[in-house]
Amino acid sequence: MSWPIISIIIPTLNSGKTLSECLDSLILQTYKNFEVIIVDGASSDDTMLILEYYAKLSASIRWVSDKDNGIYDAMNKGLKLAKGDWIYFLGSDDKLFSPAVLYTIAKKSKNENEFDIIYGDVFSTRFNGIYAGEFNSEKILHQNICHQAIFFKKTVFKKIGNFSLKYTLYADWDHNIRWFLSKRIKKKYINMVIANYADGGFSSNPNNKDTIFFDDRRWKFIKYNKKSTSFINKLKVIKAEFKNALNENRKRHALQILFESPYLFF
């Protein structure tokens, strides 16, 4: 098997203050069989000048700029442009943890070709150090895996789908629940820090909320994990979700529960 091509997708919007350090961490990688795709949302600062400079500096870097519908729309656009065997999403204010990250991932993906997902940890002051270790089905319900810690085989998106634009803040968490609980996706955790995850981004702003995701989260969990959820626990979640939906006047969600409940048992 040949060494894989890794496509690194970076959404940007007015990222001039942090983008150079992010791209420097990629150029310094000892492994060179990768491409960088920057999907810019029509920035008005000096982001475009930085992109032009780095595109001349490295043939592996290319970019597009147009208005989009947020981070996850940009990530989906990047997927359409990606040519790699493996996909990785990096924030414009994040950095790979060391120059050996891509080499290590490429070597593991080559030696362990049966896996569709390889994920590790991130380091961040937001989490007071390293986050967040190996996950299981219960942990993924309560915590998200940072996308900066995950390498996806491109085929994962054909099996699971892209990021849902229904969720403004946690479309990556929704996507992680879908692949983590899928029997079609084989995943491997490695005890390795992948990236420096910057605090202060979109998801860390307390003013940014995603109530639709949190309304759907437990329901999605038993929907995708129905074979491993006991009959009693299914009934408890259905009862609690339906009651909450009525109390909070979320009529659409209440109807969804009534419509989909039989599916969870058969």
C-alpha atoms as a PDB file:
ATOM      1  CA  MET A   1       0.000   0.000   0.000  1.00  0.00           C
ATOM      2  CA  SER A   2       1.296   3.463  -0.910  1.00  0.00           C
ATOM      3  CA  TRP A   3       1.526   6.279   1.602  1.00  0.00           C
ATOM      4  CA  PRO A   4      -1.814   8.101   1.845  1.00  0.00           C
ATOM      5  CA  ILE A   5      -2.639  11.615   0.758  1.00  0.00           C
ATOM      6  CA  ILE A   6      -4.061  13.649   3.643  1.00  0.00           C
ATOM      7  CA  SER A   7      -6.434  16.515   2.831  1.00  0.00           C
ATOM      8  CA  ILE A   8      -6.413  19.232   5.483  1.00  0.00           C
ATOM      9  CA  ILE A   9      -9.465  21.491   5.319  1.00  0.00           C
ATOM     10  CA  ILE A  10      -9.369  24.879   7.046  1.00  0.00           C
ATOM     11  CA  PRO A  11     -12.442  27.166   7.164  1.00  0.00           C
ATOM     12  CA  THR A  12     -11.525  30.845   7.482  1.00  0.00           C
ATOM     13  CA  LEU A  13     -13.302  34.140   8.013  1.00  0.00           C
ATOM     14  CA  ASN A  14     -11.252  37.209   8.901  1.00  0.00           C
ATOM     15  CA  SER A  15      -8.530  34.936  10.270  1.00  0.00           C
ATOM     16  CA  GLY A  16      -5.572  37.210   9.551  1.00  0.00           C
ATOM     17  CA  LYS A  17      -4.320  37.281  13.162  1.00  0.00           C
ATOM     18  CA  THR A  18      -3.896  33.510  13.504  1.00  0.00           C
ATOM     19  CA  LEU A  19      -3.732  31.972  10.032  1.00  0.00           C
ATOM     20  CA  SER A  20       0.036  32.277   9.486  1.00  0.00           C
ATOM     21  CA  GLU A  21       0.889  30.254  12.607  1.00  0.00           C
ATOM     22  CA  CYS A  22      -1.660  27.634  11.608  1.00  0.00           C
ATOM     23  CA  LEU A  23      -0.191  27.253   8.110  1.00  0.00           C
ATOM     24  CA  ASP A  24       3.385  27.310   9.433  1.00  0.00           C
ATOM     25  CA  SER A  25       2.578  24.259  11.560  1.00  0.00           C
ATOM     26  CA  LEU A  26       1.617  22.445   8.342  1.00  0.00           C
ATOM     27  CA  ILE A  27       4.573  23.531   6.253  1.00  0.00           C
ATOM     28  CA  LEU A  28       6.916  22.323   9.026  1.00  0.00           C
ATOM     29  CA  GLN A  29       5.522  18.787   8.901  1.00  0.00           C
ATOM     30  CA  THR A  30       8.106  16.115   8.098  1.00  0.00           C
ATOM     31  CA  TYR A  31       5.460  14.223   6.115  1.00  0.00           C
ATOM     32  CA  LYS A  32       4.791  16.023   2.841  1.00  0.00           C
ATOM     33  CA  ASN A  33       2.141  13.952   1.058  1.00  0.00           C
ATOM     34  CA  PHE A  34      -0.722  16.261   1.949  1.00  0.00           C
ATOM     35  CA  GLU A  35      -2.825  19.060   0.525  1.00  0.00           C
ATOM     36  CA  VAL A  36      -4.261  22.071   2.311  1.00  0.00           C
ATOM     37  CA  ILE A  37      -7.651  23.420   1.254  1.00  0.00           C
ATOM     38  CA  ILE A  38      -8.658  26.748   2.759  1.00  0.00           C
ATOM     39  CA  VAL A  39     -12.355  27.552   2.385  1.00  0.00           C
ATOM     40  CA  ASP A  40     -12.742  31.257   3.081  1.00  0.00           C
ATOM     41  CA  GLY A  41     -16.068  32.937   3.747  1.00  0.00           C
ATOM     42  CA  ALA A  42     -15.280  36.198   1.895  1.00  0.00           C
ATOM     43  CA  SER A  43     -12.955  37.731   4.478  1.00  0.00           C
ATOM     44  CA  SER A  44     -12.572  41.497   4.681  1.00  0.00           C
ATOM     45  CA  ASP A  45      -9.270  41.625   6.613  1.00  0.00           C
ATOM     46  CA  ASP A  46      -5.809  40.566   5.400  1.00  0.00           C
ATOM     47  CA  THR A  47      -6.703  36.858   5.215  1.00  0.00           C
ATOM     48  CA  MET A  48      -6.614  36.921   1.419  1.00  0.00           C
ATOM     49  CA  LEU A  49      -3.116  38.420   1.322  1.00  0.00           C
ATOM     50  CA  ILE A  50      -1.877  35.703   3.663  1.00  0.00           C
ATOM     51  CA  LEU A  51      -3.494  33.001   1.520  1.00  0.00           C
ATOM     52  CA  GLU A  52      -1.891  34.380  -1.641  1.00  0.00           C
ATOM     53  CA  TYR A  53       1.522  34.419   0.061  1.00  0.00           C
ATOM     54  CA  TYR A  54       1.317  30.859   1.351  1.00  0.00           C
ATOM     55  CA  ALA A  55      -0.110  29.499  -1.907  1.00  0.00           C
ATOM     56  CA  LYS A  56       3.018  30.809  -3.638  1.00  0.00           C
ATOM     57  CA  LEU A  57       5.206  29.412  -0.880  1.00  0.00           C
ATOM     58  CA  SER A  58       3.787  25.881  -1.091  1.00  0.00           C
ATOM     59  CA  ALA A  59       2.193  24.071  -4.028  1.00  0.00           C
ATOM     60  CA  SER A  60       0.248  21.934  -1.540  1.00  0.00           C
ATOM     61  CA  ILE A  61      -1.887  24.927  -0.477  1.00  0.00           C
ATOM     62  CA  ARG A  62      -4.938  26.053  -2.431  1.00  0.00           C
ATOM     63  CA  TRP A  63      -7.916  28.174  -1.476  1.00  0.00           C
ATOM     64  CA  VAL A  64     -11.342  29.409  -2.480  1.00  0.00           C
ATOM     65  CA  SER A  65     -13.238  32.417  -1.168  1.00  0.00           C
ATOM     66  CA  ASP A  66     -16.986  32.976  -1.291  1.00  0.00           C
ATOM     67  CA  LYS A  67     -19.804  33.645   1.137  1.00  0.00           C
ATOM     68  CA  ASP A  68     -21.034  30.569   2.973  1.00  0.00           C
ATOM     69  CA  ASN A  69     -23.514  29.543   5.636  1.00  0.00           C
ATOM     70  CA  GLY A  70     -21.026  29.112   8.443  1.00  0.00           C
ATOM     71  CA  ILE A  71     -18.210  26.817   9.517  1.00  0.00           C
ATOM     72  CA  TYR A  72     -19.912  23.523   8.689  1.00  0.00           C
ATOM     73  CA  ASP A  73     -20.995  24.704   5.266  1.00  0.00           C
ATOM     74  CA  ALA A  74     -17.352  25.604   4.598  1.00  0.00           C
ATOM     75  CA  MET A  75     -16.222  22.181   5.833  1.00  0.00           C
ATOM     76  CA  ASN A  76     -18.712  20.474   3.515  1.00  0.00           C
ATOM     77  CA  LYS A  77     -17.450  22.589   0.610  1.00  0.00           C
ATOM     78  CA  GLY A  78     -13.904  21.537   1.449  1.00  0.00           C
ATOM     79  CA  LEU A  79     -14.934  17.875   1.290  1.00  0.00           C
ATOM     80  CA  LYS A  80     -16.056  18.331  -2.321  1.00  0.00           C
ATOM     81  CA  LEU A  81     -12.633  19.737  -3.220  1.00  0.00           C
ATOM     82  CA  ALA A  82     -10.557  17.194  -1.298  1.00  0.00           C
ATOM     83  CA  LYS A  83      -8.479  14.665  -3.246  1.00  0.00           C
ATOM     84  CA  GLY A  84      -6.982  12.851  -0.266  1.00  0.00           C
ATOM     85  CA  ASP A  85      -7.500   9.363   1.099  1.00  0.00           C
ATOM     86  CA  TRP A  86      -7.843  10.848   4.586  1.00  0.00           C
ATOM     87  CA  ILE A  87      -9.575  14.049   5.706  1.00  0.00           C
ATOM     88  CA  TYR A  88      -8.623  16.333   8.591  1.00  0.00           C
ATOM     89  CA  PHE A  89     -10.306  19.580   9.700  1.00  0.00           C
ATOM     90  CA  LEU A  90      -8.200  22.246  11.379  1.00  0.00           C
ATOM     91  CA  GLY A  91      -9.333  25.600  12.727  1.00  0.00           C
ATOM     92  CA  SER A  92      -7.572  28.687  11.426  1.00  0.00           C
ATOM     93  CA  ASP A  93      -6.498  29.519  14.989  1.00  0.00           C
ATOM     94  CA  ASP A  94      -5.263  25.969  15.743  1.00  0.00           C
ATOM     95  CA  LYS A  95      -1.885  24.337  15.123  1.00  0.00           C
ATOM     96  CA  LEU A  96      -0.628  20.804  14.735  1.00  0.00           C
ATOM     97  CA  PHE A  97       1.079  19.815  17.973  1.00  0.00           C
ATOM     98  CA  SER A  98       4.445  18.800  16.476  1.00  0.00           C
ATOM     99  CA  PRO A  99       6.141  18.447  13.068  1.00  0.00           C
ATOM    100  CA  ALA A 100       5.752  14.650  13.322  1.00  0.00           C
ATOM    101  CA  VAL A 101       1.932  14.522  13.575  1.00  0.00           C
ATOM    102  CA  LEU A 102       1.125  13.830   9.931  1.00  0.00           C
ATOM    103  CA  TYR A 103       3.935  11.285   9.593  1.00  0.00           C
ATOM    104  CA  THR A 104       2.648   9.376  12.618  1.00  0.00           C
ATOM    105  CA  ILE A 105      -0.939   9.372  11.340  1.00  0.00           C
ATOM    106  CA  ALA A 106       0.124   8.370   7.829  1.00  0.00           C
ATOM    107  CA  LYS A 107       2.178   5.472   9.194  1.00  0.00           C
ATOM    108  CA  LYS A 108      -0.676   4.254  11.411  1.00  0.00           C
ATOM    109  CA  SER A 109      -3.222   4.530   8.599  1.00  0.00           C
ATOM    110  CA  LYS A 110      -0.916   2.548   6.335  1.00  0.00           C
ATOM    111  CA  ASN A 111      -0.257  -0.216   8.866  1.00  0.00           C
ATOM    112  CA  GLU A 112      -3.826  -0.394  10.152  1.00  0.00           C
ATOM    113  CA  ASN A 113      -5.828  -0.012   6.982  1.00  0.00           C
ATOM    114  CA  GLU A 114      -8.946  -1.647   8.426  1.00  0.00           C
ATOM    115  CA  PHE A 115      -9.792   1.484  10.427  1.00  0.00           C
ATOM    116  CA  ASP A 116     -12.005   4.275   9.052  1.00  0.00           C
ATOM    117  CA  ILE A 117     -11.316   6.752  11.876  1.00  0.00           C
ATOM    118  CA  ILE A 118      -8.131   7.489  13.798  1.00  0.00           C
ATOM    119  CA  TYR A 119      -8.519   9.939  16.665  1.00  0.00           C
ATOM    120  CA  GLY A 120      -6.361  11.179  19.513  1.00  0.00           C
ATOM    121  CA  ASP A 121      -6.294  14.173  21.851  1.00  0.00           C
ATOM    122  CA  VAL A 122      -5.892  17.928  21.712  1.00  0.00           C
ATOM    123  CA  PHE A 123      -4.077  20.274  24.058  1.00  0.00           C
ATOM    124  CA  SER A 124      -5.846  23.466  25.103  1.00  0.00           C
ATOM    125  CA  THR A 125      -5.917  26.007  27.908  1.00  0.00           C
ATOM    126  CA  ARG A 126      -9.692  25.793  27.584  1.00  0.00           C
ATOM    127  CA  PHE A 127      -9.500  22.255  29.017  1.00  0.00           C
ATOM    128  CA  ASN A 128      -6.547  22.952  31.331  1.00  0.00           C
ATOM    129  CA  GLY A 129      -4.357  20.551  29.390  1.00  0.00           C
ATOM    130  CA  ILE A 130      -5.000  17.412  27.354  1.00  0.00           C
ATOM    131  CA  TYR A 131      -8.526  16.533  26.179  1.00  0.00           C
ATOM    132  CA  ALA A 132     -10.146  13.981  26.229  1.00  0.00           C
ATOM    133  CA  GLY A 133      -8.853  10.388  25.986  1.00  0.00           C
ATOM    134  CA  GLU A 134     -10.622   7.367  24.560  1.00  0.00           C
ATOM    135  CA  PHE A 135     -14.393   7.556  24.139  1.00  0.00           C
ATOM    136  CA  ASN A 136     -17.178   5.028  24.546  1.00  0.00           C
ATOM    137  CA  SER A 137     -20.875   5.200  23.657  1.00  0.00           C
ATOM    138  CA  GLU A 138     -21.840   6.778  26.993  1.00  0.00           C
ATOM    139  CA  LYS A 139     -19.049   9.372  26.878  1.00  0.00           C
ATOM    140  CA  ILE A 140     -19.928  10.537  23.360  1.00  0.00           C
ATOM    141  CA  LEU A 141     -23.421  11.404  24.611  1.00  0.00           C
ATOM    142  CA  HIS A 142     -22.049  13.863  27.185  1.00  0.00           C
ATOM    143  CA  GLN A 143     -18.777  15.028  25.571  1.00  0.00           C
ATOM    144  CA  ASN A 144     -17.699  15.846  22.071  1.00  0.00           C
ATOM    145  CA  ILE A 145     -14.524  14.741  20.322  1.00  0.00           C
ATOM    146  CA  CYS A 146     -12.739  17.811  18.951  1.00  0.00           C
ATOM    147  CA  HIS A 147     -12.585  17.647  15.173  1.00  0.00           C
ATOM    148  CA  GLN A 148      -8.954  18.778  15.504  1.00  0.00           C
ATOM    149  CA  ALA A 149      -8.253  15.319  17.002  1.00  0.00           C
ATOM    150  CA  ILE A 150      -9.874  13.234  14.226  1.00  0.00           C
ATOM    151  CA  PHE A 151      -8.631  11.853  10.921  1.00  0.00           C
ATOM    152  CA  PHE A 152     -11.361  10.440   8.679  1.00  0.00           C
ATOM    153  CA  LYS A 153     -11.116   8.113   5.740  1.00  0.00           C
ATOM    154  CA  LYS A 154     -12.889   9.957   2.955  1.00  0.00           C
ATOM    155  CA  THR A 155     -15.286   7.018   2.583  1.00  0.00           C
ATOM    156  CA  VAL A 156     -16.722   7.801   6.047  1.00  0.00           C
ATOM    157  CA  PHE A 157     -18.647  10.717   4.563  1.00  0.00           C
ATOM    158  CA  LYS A 158     -20.213   8.485   1.900  1.00  0.00           C
ATOM    159  CA  LYS A 159     -21.384   6.091   4.619  1.00  0.00           C
ATOM    160  CA  ILE A 160     -22.456   8.604   7.279  1.00  0.00           C
ATOM    161  CA  GLY A 161     -23.070  11.794   5.326  1.00  0.00           C
ATOM    162  CA  ASN A 162     -21.633  15.292   5.679  1.00  0.00           C
ATOM    163  CA  PHE A 163     -22.147  17.827   8.469  1.00  0.00           C
ATOM    164  CA  SER A 164     -25.781  18.780   9.025  1.00  0.00           C
ATOM    165  CA  LEU A 165     -26.408  22.506   8.623  1.00  0.00           C
ATOM    166  CA  LYS A 166     -29.397  22.081  10.926  1.00  0.00           C
ATOM    167  CA  TYR A 167     -26.956  22.566  13.805  1.00  0.00           C
ATOM    168  CA  THR A 168     -25.156  25.902  13.994  1.00  0.00           C
ATOM    169  CA  LEU A 169     -22.653  25.051  16.732  1.00  0.00           C
ATOM    170  CA  TYR A 170     -22.472  21.285  17.181  1.00  0.00           C
ATOM    171  CA  ALA A 171     -22.827  19.765  13.727  1.00  0.00           C
ATOM    172  CA  ASP A 172     -19.480  18.079  14.386  1.00  0.00           C
ATOM    173  CA  TRP A 173     -20.840  16.510  17.610  1.00  0.00           C
ATOM    174  CA  ASP A 174     -23.897  15.286  15.710  1.00  0.00           C
ATOM    175  CA  HIS A 175     -21.592  13.821  13.050  1.00  0.00           C
ATOM    176  CA  ASN A 176     -19.386  12.230  15.730  1.00  0.00           C
ATOM    177  CA  ILE A 177     -22.407  10.538  17.330  1.00  0.00           C
ATOM    178  CA  ARG A 178     -23.426   9.154  13.940  1.00  0.00           C
ATOM    179  CA  TRP A 179     -20.066   7.599  13.057  1.00  0.00           C
ATOM    180  CA  PHE A 180     -19.134   6.587  16.590  1.00  0.00           C
ATOM    181  CA  LEU A 181     -22.300   4.510  17.031  1.00  0.00           C
ATOM    182  CA  SER A 182     -22.332   3.118  13.488  1.00  0.00           C
ATOM    183  CA  LYS A 183     -21.453  -0.546  13.020  1.00  0.00           C
ATOM    184  CA  ARG A 184     -20.119   0.331   9.566  1.00  0.00           C
ATOM    185  CA  ILE A 185     -17.345   2.565  10.904  1.00  0.00           C
ATOM    186  CA  LYS A 186     -14.224   1.077  12.514  1.00  0.00           C
ATOM    187  CA  LYS A 187     -12.433   3.491  14.790  1.00  0.00           C
ATOM    188  CA  LYS A 188      -9.130   3.550  16.638  1.00  0.00           C
ATOM    189  CA  TYR A 189      -7.991   5.797  19.477  1.00  0.00           C
ATOM    190  CA  ILE A 190      -4.292   6.611  19.751  1.00  0.00           C
ATOM    191  CA  ASN A 191      -2.712   8.094  22.875  1.00  0.00           C
ATOM    192  CA  MET A 192      -1.256  11.099  21.090  1.00  0.00           C
ATOM    193  CA  VAL A 193      -1.816  14.859  21.106  1.00  0.00           C
ATOM    194  CA  ILE A 194      -2.790  15.876  17.576  1.00  0.00           C
ATOM    195  CA  ALA A 195      -3.250  19.637  17.810  1.00  0.00           C
ATOM    196  CA  ASN A 196      -3.089  22.761  19.923  1.00  0.00           C
ATOM    197  CA  TYR A 197      -6.753  23.693  20.107  1.00  0.00           C
ATOM    198  CA  ALA A 198      -7.205  27.455  20.507  1.00  0.00           C
ATOM    199  CA  ASP A 199      -9.573  28.805  23.121  1.00  0.00           C
ATOM    200  CA  GLY A 200     -11.865  31.642  22.124  1.00  0.00           C
ATOM    201  CA  GLY A 201     -13.228  30.164  18.906  1.00  0.00           C
ATOM    202  CA  PHE A 202     -16.838  29.994  17.762  1.00  0.00           C
ATOM    203  CA  SER A 203     -17.806  26.999  19.914  1.00  0.00           C
ATOM    204  CA  SER A 204     -16.201  28.398  23.080  1.00  0.00           C
ATOM    205  CA  ASN A 205     -18.181  31.652  23.017  1.00  0.00           C
ATOM    206  CA  PRO A 206     -20.915  31.351  25.704  1.00  0.00           C
ATOM    207  CA  ASN A 207     -23.172  33.596  23.618  1.00  0.00           C
ATOM    208  CA  ASN A 208     -23.236  30.999  20.853  1.00  0.00           C
ATOM    209  CA  LYS A 209     -25.833  28.308  21.544  1.00  0.00           C
ATOM    210  CA  ASP A 210     -27.241  25.343  19.663  1.00  0.00           C
ATOM    211  CA  THR A 211     -30.520  24.537  21.382  1.00  0.00           C
ATOM    212  CA  ILE A 212     -31.707  22.435  18.442  1.00  0.00           C
ATOM    213  CA  PHE A 213     -28.793  20.035  18.891  1.00  0.00           C
ATOM    214  CA  PHE A 214     -29.348  19.684  22.623  1.00  0.00           C
ATOM    215  CA  ASP A 215     -33.055  19.113  21.962  1.00  0.00           C
ATOM    216  CA  ASP A 216     -32.137  16.263  19.609  1.00  0.00           C
ATOM    217  CA  ARG A 217     -29.078  14.813  21.339  1.00  0.00           C
ATOM    218  CA  ARG A 218     -30.536  12.080  23.591  1.00  0.00           C
ATOM    219  CA  TRP A 219     -33.054  11.157  20.958  1.00  0.00           C
ATOM    220  CA  LYS A 220     -30.319  10.737  18.366  1.00  0.00           C
ATOM    221  CA  PHE A 221     -28.295   8.688  20.828  1.00  0.00           C
ATOM    222  CA  ILE A 222     -30.924   5.993  21.283  1.00  0.00           C
ATOM    223  CA  LYS A 223     -31.824   6.185  17.597  1.00  0.00           C
ATOM    224  CA  TYR A 224     -28.279   5.327  16.491  1.00  0.00           C
ATOM    225  CA  ASN A 225     -27.569   3.105  19.489  1.00  0.00           C
ATOM    226  CA  LYS A 226     -30.895   1.261  19.626  1.00  0.00           C
ATOM    227  CA  LYS A 227     -29.401  -2.247  19.536  1.00  0.00           C
ATOM    228  CA  SER A 228     -27.318  -1.541  22.633  1.00  0.00           C
ATOM    229  CA  THR A 229     -30.015   0.308  24.568  1.00  0.00           C
ATOM    230  CA  SER A 230     -32.304  -1.749  26.794  1.00  0.00           C
ATOM    231  CA  PHE A 231     -36.088  -1.746  26.372  1.00  0.00           C
ATOM    232  CA  ILE A 232     -36.517  -0.029  29.748  1.00  0.00           C
ATOM    233  CA  ASN A 233     -33.982   2.709  28.967  1.00  0.00           C
ATOM    234  CA  LYS A 234     -35.652   3.357  25.629  1.00  0.00           C
ATOM    235  CA  LEU A 235     -38.986   3.822  27.370  1.00  0.00           C
ATOM    236  CA  LYS A 236     -37.419   6.164  29.935  1.00  0.00           C
ATOM    237  CA  VAL A 237     -35.836   8.356  27.251  1.00  0.00           C
ATOM    238  CA  ILE A 238     -39.000   8.403  25.137  1.00  0.00           C
ATOM    239  CA  LYS A 239     -41.124   9.394  28.138  1.00  0.00           C
ATOM    240  CA  ALA A 240     -38.689  12.081  29.308  1.00  0.00           C
ATOM    241  CA  GLU A 241     -38.131  13.525  25.838  1.00  0.00           C
ATOM    242  CA  PHE A 242     -41.833  13.637  25.051  1.00  0.00           C
ATOM    243  CA  LYS A 243     -42.628  15.281  28.388  1.00  0.00           C
ATOM    244  CA  ASN A 244     -39.882  17.896  27.926  1.00  0.00           C
ATOM    245  CA  ALA A 245     -41.011  18.614  24.371  1.00  0.00           C
ATOM    246  CA  LEU A 246     -44.575  19.270  25.563  1.00  0.00           C
ATOM    247  CA  ASN A 247     -43.459  21.372  28.538  1.00  0.00           C
ATOM    248  CA  GLU A 248     -41.232  23.495  26.308  1.00  0.00           C
ATOM    249  CA  ASN A 249     -43.859  23.740  23.552  1.00  0.00           C
ATOM    250  CA  ARG A 250     -41.628  22.020  21.010  1.00  0.00           C
ATOM    251  CA  LYS A 251     -44.481  20.510  19.051  1.00  0.00           C
ATOM    252  CA  ARG A 252     -42.366  19.386  16.101  1.00  0.00           C
ATOM    253  CA  HIS A 253     -40.025  17.438  18.344  1.00  0.00           C
ATOM    254  CA  ALA A 254     -42.974  15.851  20.178  1.00  0.00           C
ATOM    255  CA  LEU A 255     -44.429  14.693  16.846  1.00  0.00           C
ATOM    256  CA  GLN A 256     -41.024  13.356  15.810  1.00  0.00           C
ATOM    257  CA  ILE A 257     -40.888  11.255  18.997  1.00  0.00           C
ATOM    258  CA  LEU A 258     -44.362   9.816  18.389  1.00  0.00           C
ATOM    259  CA  PHE A 259     -43.560   9.068  14.753  1.00  0.00           C
ATOM    260  CA  GLU A 260     -40.133   7.492  15.299  1.00  0.00           C
ATOM    261  CA  SER A 261     -40.689   5.642  18.610  1.00  0.00           C
ATOM    262  CA  PRO A 262     -41.840   2.349  17.013  1.00  0.00           C
ATOM    263  CA  TYR A 263     -38.639   2.286  14.931  1.00  0.00           C
ATOM    264  CA  LEU A 264     -36.556   2.115  18.107  1.00  0.00           C
ATOM    265  CA  PHE A 265     -38.051  -1.224  19.126  1.00  0.00           C
ATOM    266  CA  PHE A 266     -38.041  -3.044  15.790  1.00  0.00           C
END
